[in-house]
């Protein structure tokens, strides 16, 4: 039996590229779909350097139904799809909700329609801890009721999960939703990492770019939350650990391990780390001083969200292995390597 083929939408992005690496190293054949709107074609070569295998690449916007159909027609025997391709900036989604509803929901609908047409039965969905809103009880479990989403991004993840749950109930589709918490860090090779186009929306790339002098100052959005140091609490997870959860999910889908047609897992560490704790850990472990200031709260931010991850450990057979030190040092190594590569170029 040959390698099983996985289609990864948004496969050149931050989480997508790390997942492609882990999939290839686990013995899967990978096809990447990406429109390069928030990624770079250079990542494809870097994946090949890490794995000694170049994935098939198709530049397609997932909203282009004709292009998506052509991809499925050309790539025979796709065993499963991992769906990353979506707009993901929480703050922007508060300001431009229609942009997020249109892109994130229509892309999932197009994908599921093509999967049905080409008889592809398995999908792993990139969900998010934002589905929990601002929860009343912590840590959140997979059965914690959704609160009202604080952003349009969070709403699209809630709706995406509902689309998958209801579709899998009546169609020949099995789905796993992975509710990510806050991915940070980079591959140990420093060849791939988080590289947002324009001003970063996530904490870690803003930290690394400020440390590198690319950003004048880091703003901490609020220090008056009901937390030990007044800054928001989050469950940060190393992106390589997160990528490996997708491999475990594909294994479960393709090895007849599913007990339900639709399953959901929290993917985090279970540890609550504040924004200030992350800043201090970065400074201490990398011996770098950050220029930061305290600013106003940002719309769409919950006070605290962190995970109960027992289900992922007991059922999916996955747990996070990389800690805070690996998160902050690998992120900084990636940033410094980026600057060195830019100097050579």
C-alpha atoms as a PDB file:
ATOM      1  CA  UNK A   1       0.000   0.000   0.000  1.00  0.00           C
ATOM      2  CA  UNK A   2       1.379   3.406  -0.961  1.00  0.00           C
ATOM      3  CA  UNK A   3       1.489   6.501   1.167  1.00  0.00           C
ATOM      4  CA  UNK A   4      -1.891   7.956   2.031  1.00  0.00           C
ATOM      5  CA  UNK A   5      -2.425  11.423   0.620  1.00  0.00           C
ATOM      6  CA  UNK A   6      -3.480  14.387   2.773  1.00  0.00           C
ATOM      7  CA  UNK A   7      -4.685  17.701   1.309  1.00  0.00           C
ATOM      8  CA  UNK A   8      -3.657  20.611   3.535  1.00  0.00           C
ATOM      9  CA  UNK A   9      -5.425  23.904   2.820  1.00  0.00           C
ATOM     10  CA  UNK A  10      -3.370  26.912   3.942  1.00  0.00           C
ATOM     11  CA  UNK A  11      -0.386  24.567   4.086  1.00  0.00           C
ATOM     12  CA  UNK A  12       2.263  27.274   3.711  1.00  0.00           C
ATOM     13  CA  UNK A  13       1.018  29.252   6.710  1.00  0.00           C
ATOM     14  CA  UNK A  14       2.384  29.121  10.248  1.00  0.00           C
ATOM     15  CA  UNK A  15       0.544  26.089  11.619  1.00  0.00           C
ATOM     16  CA  UNK A  16       0.033  24.568   8.175  1.00  0.00           C
ATOM     17  CA  UNK A  17       3.737  24.419   7.281  1.00  0.00           C
ATOM     18  CA  UNK A  18       4.676  22.786  10.583  1.00  0.00           C
ATOM     19  CA  UNK A  19       1.869  20.267  10.104  1.00  0.00           C
ATOM     20  CA  UNK A  20       3.070  19.442   6.586  1.00  0.00           C
ATOM     21  CA  UNK A  21       6.529  18.696   8.019  1.00  0.00           C
ATOM     22  CA  UNK A  22       5.103  16.397  10.698  1.00  0.00           C
ATOM     23  CA  UNK A  23       2.808  14.654   8.206  1.00  0.00           C
ATOM     24  CA  UNK A  24       5.680  13.951   5.818  1.00  0.00           C
ATOM     25  CA  UNK A  25       7.891  12.718   8.624  1.00  0.00           C
ATOM     26  CA  UNK A  26       5.046  10.411   9.721  1.00  0.00           C
ATOM     27  CA  UNK A  27       4.929   8.853   6.243  1.00  0.00           C
ATOM     28  CA  UNK A  28       2.043  10.721   4.628  1.00  0.00           C
ATOM     29  CA  UNK A  29       2.067  12.173   1.115  1.00  0.00           C
ATOM     30  CA  UNK A  30       1.012  15.844   1.178  1.00  0.00           C
ATOM     31  CA  UNK A  31      -0.702  18.176  -1.273  1.00  0.00           C
ATOM     32  CA  UNK A  32      -0.717  21.841  -0.248  1.00  0.00           C
ATOM     33  CA  UNK A  33      -3.412  24.286  -1.311  1.00  0.00           C
ATOM     34  CA  UNK A  34      -2.558  27.923  -0.577  1.00  0.00           C
ATOM     35  CA  UNK A  35      -3.346  31.241  -2.275  1.00  0.00           C
ATOM     36  CA  UNK A  36      -0.208  32.934  -0.827  1.00  0.00           C
ATOM     37  CA  UNK A  37      -2.306  35.801   0.580  1.00  0.00           C
ATOM     38  CA  UNK A  38      -0.639  35.464   3.983  1.00  0.00           C
ATOM     39  CA  UNK A  39       2.271  33.161   3.229  1.00  0.00           C
ATOM     40  CA  UNK A  40       5.334  32.815   1.021  1.00  0.00           C
ATOM     41  CA  UNK A  41       6.326  30.301  -1.655  1.00  0.00           C
ATOM     42  CA  UNK A  42       9.786  30.196  -0.031  1.00  0.00           C
ATOM     43  CA  UNK A  43       8.237  28.085   2.733  1.00  0.00           C
ATOM     44  CA  UNK A  44       7.829  25.242   0.220  1.00  0.00           C
ATOM     45  CA  UNK A  45      11.603  25.043  -0.289  1.00  0.00           C
ATOM     46  CA  UNK A  46      12.211  25.220   3.457  1.00  0.00           C
ATOM     47  CA  UNK A  47       9.840  22.312   4.052  1.00  0.00           C
ATOM     48  CA  UNK A  48      11.839  20.329   1.491  1.00  0.00           C
ATOM     49  CA  UNK A  49      15.087  21.185   3.308  1.00  0.00           C
ATOM     50  CA  UNK A  50      13.682  19.857   6.576  1.00  0.00           C
ATOM     51  CA  UNK A  51      12.032  16.697   5.243  1.00  0.00           C
ATOM     52  CA  UNK A  52      14.012  15.973   2.044  1.00  0.00           C
ATOM     53  CA  UNK A  53      10.661  15.739   0.267  1.00  0.00           C
ATOM     54  CA  UNK A  54       8.865  18.509  -1.604  1.00  0.00           C
ATOM     55  CA  UNK A  55       5.084  18.464  -1.207  1.00  0.00           C
ATOM     56  CA  UNK A  56       2.849  18.979  -4.219  1.00  0.00           C
ATOM     57  CA  UNK A  57       1.769  22.631  -4.303  1.00  0.00           C
ATOM     58  CA  UNK A  58      -1.351  24.143  -5.886  1.00  0.00           C
ATOM     59  CA  UNK A  59      -1.905  27.902  -5.793  1.00  0.00           C
ATOM     60  CA  UNK A  60      -5.673  28.131  -5.466  1.00  0.00           C
ATOM     61  CA  UNK A  61      -7.969  30.470  -3.569  1.00  0.00           C
ATOM     62  CA  UNK A  62     -10.391  28.191  -1.775  1.00  0.00           C
ATOM     63  CA  UNK A  63     -13.242  30.584  -2.618  1.00  0.00           C
ATOM     64  CA  UNK A  64     -12.620  29.741  -6.295  1.00  0.00           C
ATOM     65  CA  UNK A  65     -14.978  26.769  -6.608  1.00  0.00           C
ATOM     66  CA  UNK A  66     -13.848  25.989 -10.171  1.00  0.00           C
ATOM     67  CA  UNK A  67     -10.178  25.962  -9.173  1.00  0.00           C
ATOM     68  CA  UNK A  68     -10.954  23.816  -6.144  1.00  0.00           C
ATOM     69  CA  UNK A  69     -12.839  21.304  -8.277  1.00  0.00           C
ATOM     70  CA  UNK A  70      -9.919  21.138 -10.713  1.00  0.00           C
ATOM     71  CA  UNK A  71      -7.525  20.421  -7.857  1.00  0.00           C
ATOM     72  CA  UNK A  72      -9.675  17.546  -6.563  1.00  0.00           C
ATOM     73  CA  UNK A  73     -10.048  16.160 -10.086  1.00  0.00           C
ATOM     74  CA  UNK A  74      -6.279  16.269 -10.657  1.00  0.00           C
ATOM     75  CA  UNK A  75      -5.219  14.862  -7.280  1.00  0.00           C
ATOM     76  CA  UNK A  76      -6.608  11.368  -7.116  1.00  0.00           C
ATOM     77  CA  UNK A  77      -6.946   9.313  -3.944  1.00  0.00           C
ATOM     78  CA  UNK A  78      -6.940  12.088  -1.337  1.00  0.00           C
ATOM     79  CA  UNK A  79      -7.577  10.239   1.915  1.00  0.00           C
ATOM     80  CA  UNK A  80      -8.221  13.225   4.180  1.00  0.00           C
ATOM     81  CA  UNK A  81      -8.280  17.016   4.268  1.00  0.00           C
ATOM     82  CA  UNK A  82      -6.821  19.288   6.947  1.00  0.00           C
ATOM     83  CA  UNK A  83      -8.486  22.686   6.656  1.00  0.00           C
ATOM     84  CA  UNK A  84      -6.416  25.660   7.838  1.00  0.00           C
ATOM     85  CA  UNK A  85      -7.198  28.209   5.115  1.00  0.00           C
ATOM     86  CA  UNK A  86      -9.056  31.077   6.804  1.00  0.00           C
ATOM     87  CA  UNK A  87      -8.664  34.671   7.919  1.00  0.00           C
ATOM     88  CA  UNK A  88      -7.480  34.575  11.536  1.00  0.00           C
ATOM     89  CA  UNK A  89      -6.848  38.057  12.953  1.00  0.00           C
ATOM     90  CA  UNK A  90      -9.218  38.446  15.898  1.00  0.00           C
ATOM     91  CA  UNK A  91      -8.899  42.230  16.090  1.00  0.00           C
ATOM     92  CA  UNK A  92      -9.448  42.735  12.359  1.00  0.00           C
ATOM     93  CA  UNK A  93     -12.498  40.477  12.475  1.00  0.00           C
ATOM     94  CA  UNK A  94     -14.135  42.808  15.008  1.00  0.00           C
ATOM     95  CA  UNK A  95     -13.720  45.708  12.562  1.00  0.00           C
ATOM     96  CA  UNK A  96     -14.507  43.784   9.356  1.00  0.00           C
ATOM     97  CA  UNK A  97     -16.984  41.031  10.298  1.00  0.00           C
ATOM     98  CA  UNK A  98     -18.452  40.568   6.808  1.00  0.00           C
ATOM     99  CA  UNK A  99     -15.007  39.856   5.371  1.00  0.00           C
ATOM    100  CA  UNK A 100     -14.547  37.064   7.924  1.00  0.00           C
ATOM    101  CA  UNK A 101     -18.015  35.554   7.599  1.00  0.00           C
ATOM    102  CA  UNK A 102     -17.725  35.492   3.805  1.00  0.00           C
ATOM    103  CA  UNK A 103     -14.247  34.004   3.620  1.00  0.00           C
ATOM    104  CA  UNK A 104     -14.200  31.565   6.519  1.00  0.00           C
ATOM    105  CA  UNK A 105     -17.672  30.094   6.073  1.00  0.00           C
ATOM    106  CA  UNK A 106     -17.843  29.995   2.281  1.00  0.00           C
ATOM    107  CA  UNK A 107     -14.423  28.340   2.083  1.00  0.00           C
ATOM    108  CA  UNK A 108     -15.574  25.529   4.396  1.00  0.00           C
ATOM    109  CA  UNK A 109     -18.816  25.063   2.426  1.00  0.00           C
ATOM    110  CA  UNK A 110     -16.907  24.873  -0.876  1.00  0.00           C
ATOM    111  CA  UNK A 111     -14.526  22.339   0.618  1.00  0.00           C
ATOM    112  CA  UNK A 112     -17.277  20.093   1.978  1.00  0.00           C
ATOM    113  CA  UNK A 113     -19.181  20.235  -1.321  1.00  0.00           C
ATOM    114  CA  UNK A 114     -16.064  19.146  -3.212  1.00  0.00           C
ATOM    115  CA  UNK A 115     -15.345  16.419  -0.674  1.00  0.00           C
ATOM    116  CA  UNK A 116     -18.849  15.055  -1.167  1.00  0.00           C
ATOM    117  CA  UNK A 117     -18.562  15.196  -4.963  1.00  0.00           C
ATOM    118  CA  UNK A 118     -15.200  13.407  -4.989  1.00  0.00           C
ATOM    119  CA  UNK A 119     -16.145  10.990  -2.180  1.00  0.00           C
ATOM    120  CA  UNK A 120     -13.510  12.114   0.324  1.00  0.00           C
ATOM    121  CA  UNK A 121     -14.703  11.114   3.771  1.00  0.00           C
ATOM    122  CA  UNK A 122     -12.288  12.607   6.299  1.00  0.00           C
ATOM    123  CA  UNK A 123     -11.573  16.150   7.477  1.00  0.00           C
ATOM    124  CA  UNK A 124      -9.653  17.775  10.325  1.00  0.00           C
ATOM    125  CA  UNK A 125     -10.936  21.282  11.040  1.00  0.00           C
ATOM    126  CA  UNK A 126      -8.843  24.102  12.439  1.00  0.00           C
ATOM    127  CA  UNK A 127     -11.058  25.387  15.234  1.00  0.00           C
ATOM    128  CA  UNK A 128     -10.105  27.658  18.107  1.00  0.00           C
ATOM    129  CA  UNK A 129     -10.379  28.341  21.812  1.00  0.00           C
ATOM    130  CA  UNK A 130     -12.266  31.498  20.798  1.00  0.00           C
ATOM    131  CA  UNK A 131     -15.372  29.297  20.491  1.00  0.00           C
ATOM    132  CA  UNK A 132     -15.628  29.450  24.305  1.00  0.00           C
ATOM    133  CA  UNK A 133     -15.973  33.248  24.368  1.00  0.00           C
ATOM    134  CA  UNK A 134     -15.215  34.583  27.866  1.00  0.00           C
ATOM    135  CA  UNK A 135     -15.923  31.420  29.882  1.00  0.00           C
ATOM    136  CA  UNK A 136     -17.291  31.497  33.419  1.00  0.00           C
ATOM    137  CA  UNK A 137     -15.501  28.321  34.518  1.00  0.00           C
ATOM    138  CA  UNK A 138     -11.911  27.279  33.894  1.00  0.00           C
ATOM    139  CA  UNK A 139     -10.292  25.214  32.580  1.00  0.00           C
ATOM    140  CA  UNK A 140     -12.639  24.699  29.645  1.00  0.00           C
ATOM    141  CA  UNK A 141     -13.496  21.165  28.576  1.00  0.00           C
ATOM    142  CA  UNK A 142     -14.870  20.008  25.249  1.00  0.00           C
ATOM    143  CA  UNK A 143     -18.349  20.042  26.825  1.00  0.00           C
ATOM    144  CA  UNK A 144     -18.081  23.594  28.190  1.00  0.00           C
ATOM    145  CA  UNK A 145     -21.041  25.509  26.667  1.00  0.00           C
ATOM    146  CA  UNK A 146     -20.113  28.177  24.141  1.00  0.00           C
ATOM    147  CA  UNK A 147     -20.514  31.730  25.347  1.00  0.00           C
ATOM    148  CA  UNK A 148     -21.282  34.458  22.827  1.00  0.00           C
ATOM    149  CA  UNK A 149     -18.195  34.836  20.628  1.00  0.00           C
ATOM    150  CA  UNK A 150     -16.249  38.040  21.271  1.00  0.00           C
ATOM    151  CA  UNK A 151     -15.235  38.427  17.619  1.00  0.00           C
ATOM    152  CA  UNK A 152     -16.430  37.530  14.136  1.00  0.00           C
ATOM    153  CA  UNK A 153     -13.438  35.179  13.913  1.00  0.00           C
ATOM    154  CA  UNK A 154     -14.709  33.286  16.958  1.00  0.00           C
ATOM    155  CA  UNK A 155     -18.212  33.224  15.480  1.00  0.00           C
ATOM    156  CA  UNK A 156     -16.906  31.630  12.256  1.00  0.00           C
ATOM    157  CA  UNK A 157     -15.241  28.879  14.281  1.00  0.00           C
ATOM    158  CA  UNK A 158     -18.441  28.234  16.252  1.00  0.00           C
ATOM    159  CA  UNK A 159     -20.425  28.137  13.010  1.00  0.00           C
ATOM    160  CA  UNK A 160     -17.778  26.000  11.289  1.00  0.00           C
ATOM    161  CA  UNK A 161     -18.044  23.403  14.017  1.00  0.00           C
ATOM    162  CA  UNK A 162     -21.834  23.383  13.733  1.00  0.00           C
ATOM    163  CA  UNK A 163     -21.629  22.965   9.954  1.00  0.00           C
ATOM    164  CA  UNK A 164     -19.356  19.947  10.411  1.00  0.00           C
ATOM    165  CA  UNK A 165     -21.436  18.401  13.172  1.00  0.00           C
ATOM    166  CA  UNK A 166     -24.671  18.624  11.204  1.00  0.00           C
ATOM    167  CA  UNK A 167     -23.082  17.616   7.876  1.00  0.00           C
ATOM    168  CA  UNK A 168     -21.313  14.571   9.294  1.00  0.00           C
ATOM    169  CA  UNK A 169     -24.583  13.445  10.896  1.00  0.00           C
ATOM    170  CA  UNK A 170     -26.257  12.970   7.509  1.00  0.00           C
ATOM    171  CA  UNK A 171     -23.414  12.684   4.975  1.00  0.00           C
ATOM    172  CA  UNK A 172     -20.614  10.163   4.495  1.00  0.00           C
ATOM    173  CA  UNK A 173     -18.102  12.422   6.225  1.00  0.00           C
ATOM    174  CA  UNK A 174     -16.108  11.972   9.430  1.00  0.00           C
ATOM    175  CA  UNK A 175     -14.731  15.108  11.062  1.00  0.00           C
ATOM    176  CA  UNK A 176     -12.428  16.071  13.907  1.00  0.00           C
ATOM    177  CA  UNK A 177     -12.370  19.655  15.183  1.00  0.00           C
ATOM    178  CA  UNK A 178      -9.202  20.666  17.006  1.00  0.00           C
ATOM    179  CA  UNK A 179      -9.749  23.654  19.284  1.00  0.00           C
ATOM    180  CA  UNK A 180      -6.337  25.332  19.318  1.00  0.00           C
ATOM    181  CA  UNK A 181      -5.316  27.514  22.153  1.00  0.00           C
ATOM    182  CA  UNK A 182      -2.398  29.914  21.446  1.00  0.00           C
ATOM    183  CA  UNK A 183       0.274  28.488  19.127  1.00  0.00           C
ATOM    184  CA  UNK A 184       3.757  29.974  19.435  1.00  0.00           C
ATOM    185  CA  UNK A 185       7.354  28.962  18.739  1.00  0.00           C
ATOM    186  CA  UNK A 186       8.976  27.615  15.588  1.00  0.00           C
ATOM    187  CA  UNK A 187      10.565  24.490  14.153  1.00  0.00           C
ATOM    188  CA  UNK A 188      13.898  23.515  15.723  1.00  0.00           C
ATOM    189  CA  UNK A 189      15.613  24.010  12.349  1.00  0.00           C
ATOM    190  CA  UNK A 190      14.643  27.720  12.403  1.00  0.00           C
ATOM    191  CA  UNK A 191      13.680  27.296   8.742  1.00  0.00           C
ATOM    192  CA  UNK A 192       9.943  27.800   9.272  1.00  0.00           C
ATOM    193  CA  UNK A 193       8.018  29.844  11.814  1.00  0.00           C
ATOM    194  CA  UNK A 194       5.384  32.534  12.196  1.00  0.00           C
ATOM    195  CA  UNK A 195       5.799  35.215   9.540  1.00  0.00           C
ATOM    196  CA  UNK A 196       2.699  37.396   9.260  1.00  0.00           C
ATOM    197  CA  UNK A 197       2.514  39.805   6.356  1.00  0.00           C
ATOM    198  CA  UNK A 198       2.255  43.366   7.680  1.00  0.00           C
ATOM    199  CA  UNK A 199       1.729  44.236  11.336  1.00  0.00           C
ATOM    200  CA  UNK A 200       1.414  41.095  13.511  1.00  0.00           C
ATOM    201  CA  UNK A 201      -1.875  40.414  15.276  1.00  0.00           C
ATOM    202  CA  UNK A 202      -0.531  37.729  17.612  1.00  0.00           C
ATOM    203  CA  UNK A 203       1.643  38.296  20.668  1.00  0.00           C
ATOM    204  CA  UNK A 204       4.752  36.262  19.884  1.00  0.00           C
ATOM    205  CA  UNK A 205       5.662  37.691  16.450  1.00  0.00           C
ATOM    206  CA  UNK A 206       5.133  41.174  17.883  1.00  0.00           C
ATOM    207  CA  UNK A 207       7.514  40.271  20.716  1.00  0.00           C
ATOM    208  CA  UNK A 208      10.178  38.897  18.376  1.00  0.00           C
ATOM    209  CA  UNK A 209       9.881  41.778  15.906  1.00  0.00           C
ATOM    210  CA  UNK A 210      10.142  44.307  18.750  1.00  0.00           C
ATOM    211  CA  UNK A 211      13.193  42.503  20.135  1.00  0.00           C
ATOM    212  CA  UNK A 212      14.726  42.578  16.648  1.00  0.00           C
ATOM    213  CA  UNK A 213      14.114  46.304  16.300  1.00  0.00           C
ATOM    214  CA  UNK A 214      11.600  45.881  13.492  1.00  0.00           C
ATOM    215  CA  UNK A 215       8.849  47.281  15.721  1.00  0.00           C
ATOM    216  CA  UNK A 216       9.494  50.303  17.930  1.00  0.00           C
ATOM    217  CA  UNK A 217       7.402  49.126  20.839  1.00  0.00           C
ATOM    218  CA  UNK A 218       5.162  46.301  22.022  1.00  0.00           C
ATOM    219  CA  UNK A 219       1.780  47.252  23.458  1.00  0.00           C
ATOM    220  CA  UNK A 220       0.274  45.110  26.207  1.00  0.00           C
ATOM    221  CA  UNK A 221      -3.486  45.444  25.766  1.00  0.00           C
ATOM    222  CA  UNK A 222      -4.706  46.142  29.299  1.00  0.00           C
ATOM    223  CA  UNK A 223      -3.313  45.399  32.761  1.00  0.00           C
ATOM    224  CA  UNK A 224      -6.560  45.744  34.711  1.00  0.00           C
ATOM    225  CA  UNK A 225      -8.051  42.296  34.090  1.00  0.00           C
ATOM    226  CA  UNK A 226      -9.077  40.096  37.009  1.00  0.00           C
ATOM    227  CA  UNK A 227      -5.892  37.994  36.832  1.00  0.00           C
ATOM    228  CA  UNK A 228      -2.838  37.732  39.129  1.00  0.00           C
ATOM    229  CA  UNK A 229      -0.842  40.410  37.252  1.00  0.00           C
ATOM    230  CA  UNK A 230      -3.735  42.181  35.498  1.00  0.00           C
ATOM    231  CA  UNK A 231      -2.898  40.890  32.002  1.00  0.00           C
ATOM    232  CA  UNK A 232      -4.847  38.281  30.044  1.00  0.00           C
ATOM    233  CA  UNK A 233      -4.253  34.596  30.726  1.00  0.00           C
ATOM    234  CA  UNK A 234      -3.808  32.223  27.817  1.00  0.00           C
ATOM    235  CA  UNK A 235      -2.839  28.615  27.176  1.00  0.00           C
ATOM    236  CA  UNK A 236       0.221  28.846  24.912  1.00  0.00           C
ATOM    237  CA  UNK A 237       1.207  25.733  22.970  1.00  0.00           C
ATOM    238  CA  UNK A 238       4.299  25.064  20.883  1.00  0.00           C
ATOM    239  CA  UNK A 239       3.373  24.923  17.204  1.00  0.00           C
ATOM    240  CA  UNK A 240       5.237  21.617  16.713  1.00  0.00           C
ATOM    241  CA  UNK A 241       3.132  19.993  19.432  1.00  0.00           C
ATOM    242  CA  UNK A 242       0.033  21.406  17.748  1.00  0.00           C
ATOM    243  CA  UNK A 243       1.158  20.067  14.363  1.00  0.00           C
ATOM    244  CA  UNK A 244       1.574  16.592  15.842  1.00  0.00           C
ATOM    245  CA  UNK A 245      -2.041  16.686  17.049  1.00  0.00           C
ATOM    246  CA  UNK A 246      -3.086  16.885  13.392  1.00  0.00           C
ATOM    247  CA  UNK A 247      -1.041  13.789  12.569  1.00  0.00           C
ATOM    248  CA  UNK A 248      -2.741  11.942  15.431  1.00  0.00           C
ATOM    249  CA  UNK A 249      -6.112  13.121  14.105  1.00  0.00           C
ATOM    250  CA  UNK A 250      -5.363  11.816  10.603  1.00  0.00           C
ATOM    251  CA  UNK A 251      -4.233   8.511  12.097  1.00  0.00           C
ATOM    252  CA  UNK A 252      -7.509   8.258  14.001  1.00  0.00           C
ATOM    253  CA  UNK A 253      -9.647   9.098  10.959  1.00  0.00           C
ATOM    254  CA  UNK A 254      -7.827   6.732   8.604  1.00  0.00           C
ATOM    255  CA  UNK A 255      -7.261   3.798  10.921  1.00  0.00           C
ATOM    256  CA  UNK A 256     -10.962   3.372  11.795  1.00  0.00           C
ATOM    257  CA  UNK A 257     -10.424   4.757  15.274  1.00  0.00           C
ATOM    258  CA  UNK A 258     -13.428   7.078  15.370  1.00  0.00           C
ATOM    259  CA  UNK A 259     -16.178   6.273  17.862  1.00  0.00           C
ATOM    260  CA  UNK A 260     -18.380   9.114  16.614  1.00  0.00           C
ATOM    261  CA  UNK A 261     -18.660  10.665  13.158  1.00  0.00           C
ATOM    262  CA  UNK A 262     -17.794  14.032  14.689  1.00  0.00           C
ATOM    263  CA  UNK A 263     -15.237  14.473  17.466  1.00  0.00           C
ATOM    264  CA  UNK A 264     -13.808  17.537  19.204  1.00  0.00           C
ATOM    265  CA  UNK A 265     -10.546  17.962  21.115  1.00  0.00           C
ATOM    266  CA  UNK A 266      -8.923  20.796  23.034  1.00  0.00           C
ATOM    267  CA  UNK A 267      -5.304  21.188  21.965  1.00  0.00           C
ATOM    268  CA  UNK A 268      -3.336  23.093  24.577  1.00  0.00           C
ATOM    269  CA  UNK A 269      -1.045  22.498  27.551  1.00  0.00           C
ATOM    270  CA  UNK A 270      -3.525  23.137  30.345  1.00  0.00           C
ATOM    271  CA  UNK A 271      -1.245  25.854  31.748  1.00  0.00           C
ATOM    272  CA  UNK A 272      -2.395  29.471  32.124  1.00  0.00           C
ATOM    273  CA  UNK A 273       0.337  31.984  31.255  1.00  0.00           C
ATOM    274  CA  UNK A 274      -0.200  35.734  31.356  1.00  0.00           C
ATOM    275  CA  UNK A 275       0.952  38.178  28.703  1.00  0.00           C
ATOM    276  CA  UNK A 276       3.479  39.635  31.157  1.00  0.00           C
ATOM    277  CA  UNK A 277       4.751  36.174  32.091  1.00  0.00           C
ATOM    278  CA  UNK A 278       5.346  35.463  28.398  1.00  0.00           C
ATOM    279  CA  UNK A 279       7.245  38.740  27.999  1.00  0.00           C
ATOM    280  CA  UNK A 280       9.417  38.030  31.051  1.00  0.00           C
ATOM    281  CA  UNK A 281      10.098  34.448  29.925  1.00  0.00           C
ATOM    282  CA  UNK A 282      11.185  35.728  26.522  1.00  0.00           C
ATOM    283  CA  UNK A 283      13.522  38.296  28.083  1.00  0.00           C
ATOM    284  CA  UNK A 284      15.020  35.835  30.570  1.00  0.00           C
ATOM    285  CA  UNK A 285      15.565  32.875  28.252  1.00  0.00           C
ATOM    286  CA  UNK A 286      16.887  34.917  25.338  1.00  0.00           C
ATOM    287  CA  UNK A 287      18.713  37.589  27.377  1.00  0.00           C
ATOM    288  CA  UNK A 288      16.922  40.312  25.434  1.00  0.00           C
ATOM    289  CA  UNK A 289      15.238  43.432  26.818  1.00  0.00           C
ATOM    290  CA  UNK A 290      11.869  44.329  25.300  1.00  0.00           C
ATOM    291  CA  UNK A 291      10.537  47.840  24.866  1.00  0.00           C
ATOM    292  CA  UNK A 292       6.892  47.565  25.868  1.00  0.00           C
ATOM    293  CA  UNK A 293       4.109  49.743  27.230  1.00  0.00           C
ATOM    294  CA  UNK A 294       0.707  49.167  28.788  1.00  0.00           C
ATOM    295  CA  UNK A 295      -2.157  50.203  26.518  1.00  0.00           C
ATOM    296  CA  UNK A 296      -5.938  50.065  26.532  1.00  0.00           C
ATOM    297  CA  UNK A 297      -7.840  46.800  26.380  1.00  0.00           C
ATOM    298  CA  UNK A 298      -8.399  45.397  22.885  1.00  0.00           C
ATOM    299  CA  UNK A 299     -11.884  44.503  21.659  1.00  0.00           C
ATOM    300  CA  UNK A 300     -12.408  40.755  21.319  1.00  0.00           C
ATOM    301  CA  UNK A 301     -10.001  39.668  24.088  1.00  0.00           C
ATOM    302  CA  UNK A 302     -11.266  37.327  26.812  1.00  0.00           C
ATOM    303  CA  UNK A 303      -9.892  37.696  30.345  1.00  0.00           C
ATOM    304  CA  UNK A 304      -8.680  34.111  30.649  1.00  0.00           C
ATOM    305  CA  UNK A 305      -8.965  30.935  28.582  1.00  0.00           C
ATOM    306  CA  UNK A 306      -7.041  27.740  29.187  1.00  0.00           C
ATOM    307  CA  UNK A 307      -7.737  24.113  28.482  1.00  0.00           C
ATOM    308  CA  UNK A 308      -8.556  20.848  30.108  1.00  0.00           C
ATOM    309  CA  UNK A 309      -6.649  18.480  27.791  1.00  0.00           C
ATOM    310  CA  UNK A 310      -7.451  15.096  29.332  1.00  0.00           C
ATOM    311  CA  UNK A 311      -9.623  14.017  26.391  1.00  0.00           C
ATOM    312  CA  UNK A 312      -6.838  14.616  23.842  1.00  0.00           C
ATOM    313  CA  UNK A 313      -4.457  12.604  26.001  1.00  0.00           C
ATOM    314  CA  UNK A 314      -6.803   9.705  26.768  1.00  0.00           C
ATOM    315  CA  UNK A 315      -8.664   9.395  23.450  1.00  0.00           C
ATOM    316  CA  UNK A 316      -6.477  10.947  20.753  1.00  0.00           C
ATOM    317  CA  UNK A 317      -3.238   9.717  22.338  1.00  0.00           C
ATOM    318  CA  UNK A 318      -1.651  13.161  22.157  1.00  0.00           C
ATOM    319  CA  UNK A 319      -0.129  15.529  24.689  1.00  0.00           C
ATOM    320  CA  UNK A 320       2.066  18.613  24.572  1.00  0.00           C
ATOM    321  CA  UNK A 321       5.753  17.895  25.184  1.00  0.00           C
ATOM    322  CA  UNK A 322       7.470  21.250  24.623  1.00  0.00           C
ATOM    323  CA  UNK A 323       7.461  23.865  27.387  1.00  0.00           C
ATOM    324  CA  UNK A 324       7.635  27.634  27.731  1.00  0.00           C
ATOM    325  CA  UNK A 325      11.418  27.747  27.356  1.00  0.00           C
ATOM    326  CA  UNK A 326      11.269  25.927  24.005  1.00  0.00           C
ATOM    327  CA  UNK A 327       8.461  28.239  22.889  1.00  0.00           C
ATOM    328  CA  UNK A 328      10.328  31.497  23.495  1.00  0.00           C
ATOM    329  CA  UNK A 329      13.790  30.328  22.409  1.00  0.00           C
ATOM    330  CA  UNK A 330      12.629  28.700  19.176  1.00  0.00           C
ATOM    331  CA  UNK A 331      10.603  31.822  18.284  1.00  0.00           C
ATOM    332  CA  UNK A 332      13.642  34.034  18.806  1.00  0.00           C
ATOM    333  CA  UNK A 333      15.953  31.652  16.906  1.00  0.00           C
ATOM    334  CA  UNK A 334      13.509  31.774  13.985  1.00  0.00           C
ATOM    335  CA  UNK A 335      13.436  35.587  14.041  1.00  0.00           C
ATOM    336  CA  UNK A 336      17.231  35.904  14.167  1.00  0.00           C
ATOM    337  CA  UNK A 337      17.599  33.329  11.380  1.00  0.00           C
ATOM    338  CA  UNK A 338      15.147  35.315   9.274  1.00  0.00           C
ATOM    339  CA  UNK A 339      17.275  38.422   9.673  1.00  0.00           C
ATOM    340  CA  UNK A 340      20.428  36.505   8.788  1.00  0.00           C
ATOM    341  CA  UNK A 341      18.800  35.108   5.632  1.00  0.00           C
ATOM    342  CA  UNK A 342      17.655  38.617   4.684  1.00  0.00           C
ATOM    343  CA  UNK A 343      21.222  39.900   5.110  1.00  0.00           C
ATOM    344  CA  UNK A 344      22.595  37.170   2.840  1.00  0.00           C
ATOM    345  CA  UNK A 345      19.976  37.960   0.217  1.00  0.00           C
END
